[in-house]
C-alpha atoms as a PDB file:
ATOM      1  CA  UNK A   1     -28.460 -45.395   0.862  1.00  0.00           C
ATOM      2  CA  UNK A   2     -31.312 -45.549   3.406  1.00  0.00           C
ATOM      3  CA  UNK A   3     -29.315 -43.497   5.911  1.00  0.00           C
ATOM      4  CA  UNK A   4     -28.603 -40.875   3.269  1.00  0.00           C
ATOM      5  CA  UNK A   5     -32.306 -40.680   2.381  1.00  0.00           C
ATOM      6  CA  UNK A   6     -33.236 -40.308   6.087  1.00  0.00           C
ATOM      7  CA  UNK A   7     -30.667 -37.528   6.601  1.00  0.00           C
ATOM      8  CA  UNK A   8     -31.926 -35.749   3.471  1.00  0.00           C
ATOM      9  CA  UNK A   9     -35.531 -35.999   4.777  1.00  0.00           C
ATOM     10  CA  UNK A  10     -34.559 -34.592   8.184  1.00  0.00           C
ATOM     11  CA  UNK A  11     -32.676 -31.672   6.614  1.00  0.00           C
ATOM     12  CA  UNK A  12     -35.653 -30.908   4.373  1.00  0.00           C
ATOM     13  CA  UNK A  13     -38.045 -31.035   7.358  1.00  0.00           C
ATOM     14  CA  UNK A  14     -35.827 -28.673   9.374  1.00  0.00           C
ATOM     15  CA  UNK A  15     -35.675 -26.234   6.463  1.00  0.00           C
ATOM     16  CA  UNK A  16     -39.454 -26.290   6.117  1.00  0.00           C
ATOM     17  CA  UNK A  17     -39.948 -25.635   9.831  1.00  0.00           C
ATOM     18  CA  UNK A  18     -37.384 -22.821   9.897  1.00  0.00           C
ATOM     19  CA  UNK A  19     -38.887 -21.109   6.874  1.00  0.00           C
ATOM     20  CA  UNK A  20     -42.525 -21.704   7.825  1.00  0.00           C
ATOM     21  CA  UNK A  21     -44.665 -18.566   7.840  1.00  0.00           C
ATOM     22  CA  UNK A  22     -45.084 -16.825  11.169  1.00  0.00           C
ATOM     23  CA  UNK A  23     -48.730 -17.952  11.072  1.00  0.00           C
ATOM     24  CA  UNK A  24     -47.530 -21.417  12.111  1.00  0.00           C
ATOM     25  CA  UNK A  25     -47.237 -20.125  15.695  1.00  0.00           C
ATOM     26  CA  UNK A  26     -50.903 -19.137  15.524  1.00  0.00           C
ATOM     27  CA  UNK A  27     -51.775 -22.828  15.459  1.00  0.00           C
ATOM     28  CA  UNK A  28     -50.611 -23.457  19.044  1.00  0.00           C
ATOM     29  CA  UNK A  29     -52.512 -22.717  22.283  1.00  0.00           C
ATOM     30  CA  UNK A  30     -50.516 -20.039  24.131  1.00  0.00           C
ATOM     31  CA  UNK A  31     -51.005 -17.274  26.695  1.00  0.00           C
ATOM     32  CA  UNK A  32     -53.201 -14.424  25.412  1.00  0.00           C
ATOM     33  CA  UNK A  33     -54.725 -16.312  22.491  1.00  0.00           C
ATOM     34  CA  UNK A  34     -58.465 -16.857  22.038  1.00  0.00           C
ATOM     35  CA  UNK A  35     -59.174 -20.580  21.912  1.00  0.00           C
ATOM     36  CA  UNK A  36     -62.396 -22.308  20.895  1.00  0.00           C
ATOM     37  CA  UNK A  37     -62.887 -25.959  21.726  1.00  0.00           C
ATOM     38  CA  UNK A  38     -65.455 -28.692  21.951  1.00  0.00           C
ATOM     39  CA  UNK A  39     -65.469 -30.795  25.089  1.00  0.00           C
ATOM     40  CA  UNK A  40     -67.229 -33.575  26.899  1.00  0.00           C
ATOM     41  CA  UNK A  41     -66.924 -33.603  30.700  1.00  0.00           C
ATOM     42  CA  UNK A  42     -67.064 -36.896  32.568  1.00  0.00           C
ATOM     43  CA  UNK A  43     -67.199 -37.503  36.325  1.00  0.00           C
ATOM     44  CA  UNK A  44     -66.807 -41.093  37.483  1.00  0.00           C
ATOM     45  CA  UNK A  45     -67.099 -42.198  33.831  1.00  0.00           C
ATOM     46  CA  UNK A  46     -70.514 -40.494  33.528  1.00  0.00           C
ATOM     47  CA  UNK A  47     -70.993 -37.726  30.959  1.00  0.00           C
ATOM     48  CA  UNK A  48     -72.213 -34.632  32.818  1.00  0.00           C
ATOM     49  CA  UNK A  49     -71.736 -31.828  30.291  1.00  0.00           C
ATOM     50  CA  UNK A  50     -70.886 -31.367  26.638  1.00  0.00           C
ATOM     51  CA  UNK A  51     -70.706 -28.774  23.889  1.00  0.00           C
ATOM     52  CA  UNK A  52     -71.995 -31.339  21.361  1.00  0.00           C
ATOM     53  CA  UNK A  53     -74.646 -29.613  19.269  1.00  0.00           C
ATOM     54  CA  UNK A  54     -73.991 -26.321  21.089  1.00  0.00           C
ATOM     55  CA  UNK A  55     -71.651 -23.375  20.829  1.00  0.00           C
ATOM     56  CA  UNK A  56     -68.032 -24.346  21.540  1.00  0.00           C
ATOM     57  CA  UNK A  57     -66.292 -23.061  24.642  1.00  0.00           C
ATOM     58  CA  UNK A  58     -64.321 -19.936  23.721  1.00  0.00           C
ATOM     59  CA  UNK A  59     -61.974 -18.039  26.044  1.00  0.00           C
ATOM     60  CA  UNK A  60     -58.713 -16.091  26.167  1.00  0.00           C
ATOM     61  CA  UNK A  61     -55.864 -18.133  27.630  1.00  0.00           C
ATOM     62  CA  UNK A  62     -54.723 -16.507  30.874  1.00  0.00           C
ATOM     63  CA  UNK A  63     -57.996 -14.667  31.549  1.00  0.00           C
ATOM     64  CA  UNK A  64     -58.842 -17.081  34.395  1.00  0.00           C
ATOM     65  CA  UNK A  65     -62.216 -17.833  32.819  1.00  0.00           C
ATOM     66  CA  UNK A  66     -61.681 -21.611  32.918  1.00  0.00           C
ATOM     67  CA  UNK A  67     -60.369 -23.814  35.710  1.00  0.00           C
ATOM     68  CA  UNK A  68     -56.563 -23.740  36.065  1.00  0.00           C
ATOM     69  CA  UNK A  69     -56.054 -27.469  35.471  1.00  0.00           C
ATOM     70  CA  UNK A  70     -57.851 -27.361  32.138  1.00  0.00           C
ATOM     71  CA  UNK A  71     -56.063 -24.260  30.932  1.00  0.00           C
ATOM     72  CA  UNK A  72     -52.607 -25.574  31.835  1.00  0.00           C
ATOM     73  CA  UNK A  73     -53.177 -28.869  30.024  1.00  0.00           C
ATOM     74  CA  UNK A  74     -54.429 -27.092  26.898  1.00  0.00           C
ATOM     75  CA  UNK A  75     -51.171 -25.134  26.603  1.00  0.00           C
ATOM     76  CA  UNK A  76     -49.130 -26.248  23.605  1.00  0.00           C
ATOM     77  CA  UNK A  77     -51.995 -28.098  21.929  1.00  0.00           C
ATOM     78  CA  UNK A  78     -52.381 -27.477  18.212  1.00  0.00           C
ATOM     79  CA  UNK A  79     -55.346 -26.566  16.053  1.00  0.00           C
ATOM     80  CA  UNK A  80     -57.440 -29.692  15.403  1.00  0.00           C
ATOM     81  CA  UNK A  81     -55.730 -31.718  18.137  1.00  0.00           C
ATOM     82  CA  UNK A  82     -57.830 -33.945  20.408  1.00  0.00           C
ATOM     83  CA  UNK A  83     -56.833 -34.933  23.920  1.00  0.00           C
ATOM     84  CA  UNK A  84     -58.155 -36.612  27.068  1.00  0.00           C
ATOM     85  CA  UNK A  85     -57.436 -34.411  30.090  1.00  0.00           C
ATOM     86  CA  UNK A  86     -57.775 -35.561  33.702  1.00  0.00           C
ATOM     87  CA  UNK A  87     -57.849 -32.855  36.384  1.00  0.00           C
ATOM     88  CA  UNK A  88     -57.567 -33.451  40.123  1.00  0.00           C
ATOM     89  CA  UNK A  89     -59.996 -31.590  42.387  1.00  0.00           C
ATOM     90  CA  UNK A  90     -57.232 -29.276  43.657  1.00  0.00           C
ATOM     91  CA  UNK A  91     -56.712 -27.963  40.104  1.00  0.00           C
ATOM     92  CA  UNK A  92     -60.438 -27.693  39.385  1.00  0.00           C
ATOM     93  CA  UNK A  93     -62.970 -26.603  42.030  1.00  0.00           C
ATOM     94  CA  UNK A  94     -60.953 -27.574  45.085  1.00  0.00           C
ATOM     95  CA  UNK A  95     -61.621 -30.014  47.872  1.00  0.00           C
ATOM     96  CA  UNK A  96     -64.872 -30.140  49.790  1.00  0.00           C
ATOM     97  CA  UNK A  97     -64.616 -27.514  52.540  1.00  0.00           C
ATOM     98  CA  UNK A  98     -66.341 -28.682  55.736  1.00  0.00           C
ATOM     99  CA  UNK A  99     -66.727 -25.014  56.769  1.00  0.00           C
ATOM    100  CA  UNK A 100     -68.976 -24.438  53.742  1.00  0.00           C
ATOM    101  CA  UNK A 101     -71.779 -26.443  55.378  1.00  0.00           C
ATOM    102  CA  UNK A 102     -74.072 -24.140  57.354  1.00  0.00           C
ATOM    103  CA  UNK A 103     -77.065 -24.990  59.493  1.00  0.00           C
ATOM    104  CA  UNK A 104     -79.849 -22.418  59.263  1.00  0.00           C
ATOM    105  CA  UNK A 105     -83.311 -22.283  60.814  1.00  0.00           C
ATOM    106  CA  UNK A 106     -86.164 -23.423  58.574  1.00  0.00           C
ATOM    107  CA  UNK A 107     -87.774 -20.022  59.137  1.00  0.00           C
ATOM    108  CA  UNK A 108     -84.907 -18.454  57.145  1.00  0.00           C
ATOM    109  CA  UNK A 109     -85.737 -20.565  54.102  1.00  0.00           C
ATOM    110  CA  UNK A 110     -88.057 -19.435  51.277  1.00  0.00           C
ATOM    111  CA  UNK A 111     -91.649 -20.182  52.318  1.00  0.00           C
ATOM    112  CA  UNK A 112     -92.775 -21.759  49.032  1.00  0.00           C
ATOM    113  CA  UNK A 113     -89.904 -24.253  48.783  1.00  0.00           C
ATOM    114  CA  UNK A 114     -90.264 -27.956  49.533  1.00  0.00           C
ATOM    115  CA  UNK A 115     -87.090 -28.669  51.470  1.00  0.00           C
ATOM    116  CA  UNK A 116     -85.440 -31.959  50.552  1.00  0.00           C
ATOM    117  CA  UNK A 117     -81.789 -32.990  50.072  1.00  0.00           C
ATOM    118  CA  UNK A 118     -80.318 -32.098  46.697  1.00  0.00           C
ATOM    119  CA  UNK A 119     -82.439 -29.081  45.804  1.00  0.00           C
ATOM    120  CA  UNK A 120     -80.787 -25.718  45.251  1.00  0.00           C
ATOM    121  CA  UNK A 121     -82.068 -22.709  47.164  1.00  0.00           C
ATOM    122  CA  UNK A 122     -81.127 -19.043  46.898  1.00  0.00           C
ATOM    123  CA  UNK A 123     -79.912 -17.626  50.194  1.00  0.00           C
ATOM    124  CA  UNK A 124     -79.735 -13.893  50.931  1.00  0.00           C
ATOM    125  CA  UNK A 125     -76.538 -12.504  52.379  1.00  0.00           C
ATOM    126  CA  UNK A 126     -76.312  -9.525  54.767  1.00  0.00           C
ATOM    127  CA  UNK A 127     -75.087  -7.238  51.952  1.00  0.00           C
ATOM    128  CA  UNK A 128     -78.332  -7.730  50.000  1.00  0.00           C
ATOM    129  CA  UNK A 129     -77.024 -10.233  47.470  1.00  0.00           C
ATOM    130  CA  UNK A 130     -77.945 -13.879  47.115  1.00  0.00           C
ATOM    131  CA  UNK A 131     -76.111 -17.083  46.326  1.00  0.00           C
ATOM    132  CA  UNK A 132     -77.030 -20.733  45.805  1.00  0.00           C
ATOM    133  CA  UNK A 133     -76.802 -23.434  48.433  1.00  0.00           C
ATOM    134  CA  UNK A 134     -77.665 -27.110  48.148  1.00  0.00           C
ATOM    135  CA  UNK A 135     -79.937 -28.611  50.796  1.00  0.00           C
ATOM    136  CA  UNK A 136     -77.763 -31.275  52.361  1.00  0.00           C
ATOM    137  CA  UNK A 137     -79.906 -32.369  55.289  1.00  0.00           C
ATOM    138  CA  UNK A 138     -83.348 -31.464  56.634  1.00  0.00           C
ATOM    139  CA  UNK A 139     -83.765 -31.542  60.416  1.00  0.00           C
ATOM    140  CA  UNK A 140     -86.807 -30.872  62.599  1.00  0.00           C
ATOM    141  CA  UNK A 141     -86.238 -27.103  62.954  1.00  0.00           C
ATOM    142  CA  UNK A 142     -83.260 -26.435  60.687  1.00  0.00           C
ATOM    143  CA  UNK A 143     -81.683 -27.173  57.337  1.00  0.00           C
ATOM    144  CA  UNK A 144     -78.016 -27.934  56.593  1.00  0.00           C
ATOM    145  CA  UNK A 145     -76.908 -26.181  53.413  1.00  0.00           C
ATOM    146  CA  UNK A 146     -73.797 -26.996  51.388  1.00  0.00           C
ATOM    147  CA  UNK A 147     -72.176 -23.908  49.849  1.00  0.00           C
ATOM    148  CA  UNK A 148     -69.302 -25.787  48.164  1.00  0.00           C
ATOM    149  CA  UNK A 149     -69.176 -25.695  44.382  1.00  0.00           C
ATOM    150  CA  UNK A 150     -71.172 -28.700  43.081  1.00  0.00           C
ATOM    151  CA  UNK A 151     -67.978 -30.115  41.511  1.00  0.00           C
ATOM    152  CA  UNK A 152     -65.768 -29.598  44.589  1.00  0.00           C
ATOM    153  CA  UNK A 153     -63.853 -32.726  45.499  1.00  0.00           C
ATOM    154  CA  UNK A 154     -64.374 -34.283  42.056  1.00  0.00           C
ATOM    155  CA  UNK A 155     -61.766 -35.489  39.582  1.00  0.00           C
ATOM    156  CA  UNK A 156     -62.779 -34.178  36.173  1.00  0.00           C
ATOM    157  CA  UNK A 157     -62.112 -35.912  32.870  1.00  0.00           C
ATOM    158  CA  UNK A 158     -62.409 -33.907  29.672  1.00  0.00           C
ATOM    159  CA  UNK A 159     -62.298 -35.035  26.056  1.00  0.00           C
ATOM    160  CA  UNK A 160     -61.350 -31.875  24.150  1.00  0.00           C
ATOM    161  CA  UNK A 161     -60.789 -30.868  20.540  1.00  0.00           C
ATOM    162  CA  UNK A 162     -59.213 -27.529  19.605  1.00  0.00           C
ATOM    163  CA  UNK A 163     -61.431 -25.906  16.944  1.00  0.00           C
ATOM    164  CA  UNK A 164     -59.898 -22.434  16.575  1.00  0.00           C
ATOM    165  CA  UNK A 165     -56.942 -20.395  17.816  1.00  0.00           C
ATOM    166  CA  UNK A 166     -56.674 -16.627  17.253  1.00  0.00           C
END
């Protein structure tokens, strides 16, 4: 009798899934859909960023507006689902590139800036734009700047919850 009840339950479940409204597919993270999620980002078990008490992260899947490792691991998640996602550096901001460290004369640095390791300075490029660099080392007549992304070389751990899928 138990086997018969189990078979009946499975048949009923299959019928429900086959006749479910097409809106059921709207509950799954897929290419081209707008997804909103809450997240907490940890590096080395330390919380470094969160959407707690803020606007959730919202993006269109496939628009390349989030790191590839996060987007790929969100695929197939369902509305309301929570998940811990671990992303290697290669699928996030890449490895630390030794060629992204540049030594520049102190005279090229902004005059009103106290140069010490860890501070971020804006550096002008030849085309008239500017971009951030982190002071890595201060020498007698020069400064070594790190132009890698601050999260390069880091394994990222996210706790995510899917809030909306459109």
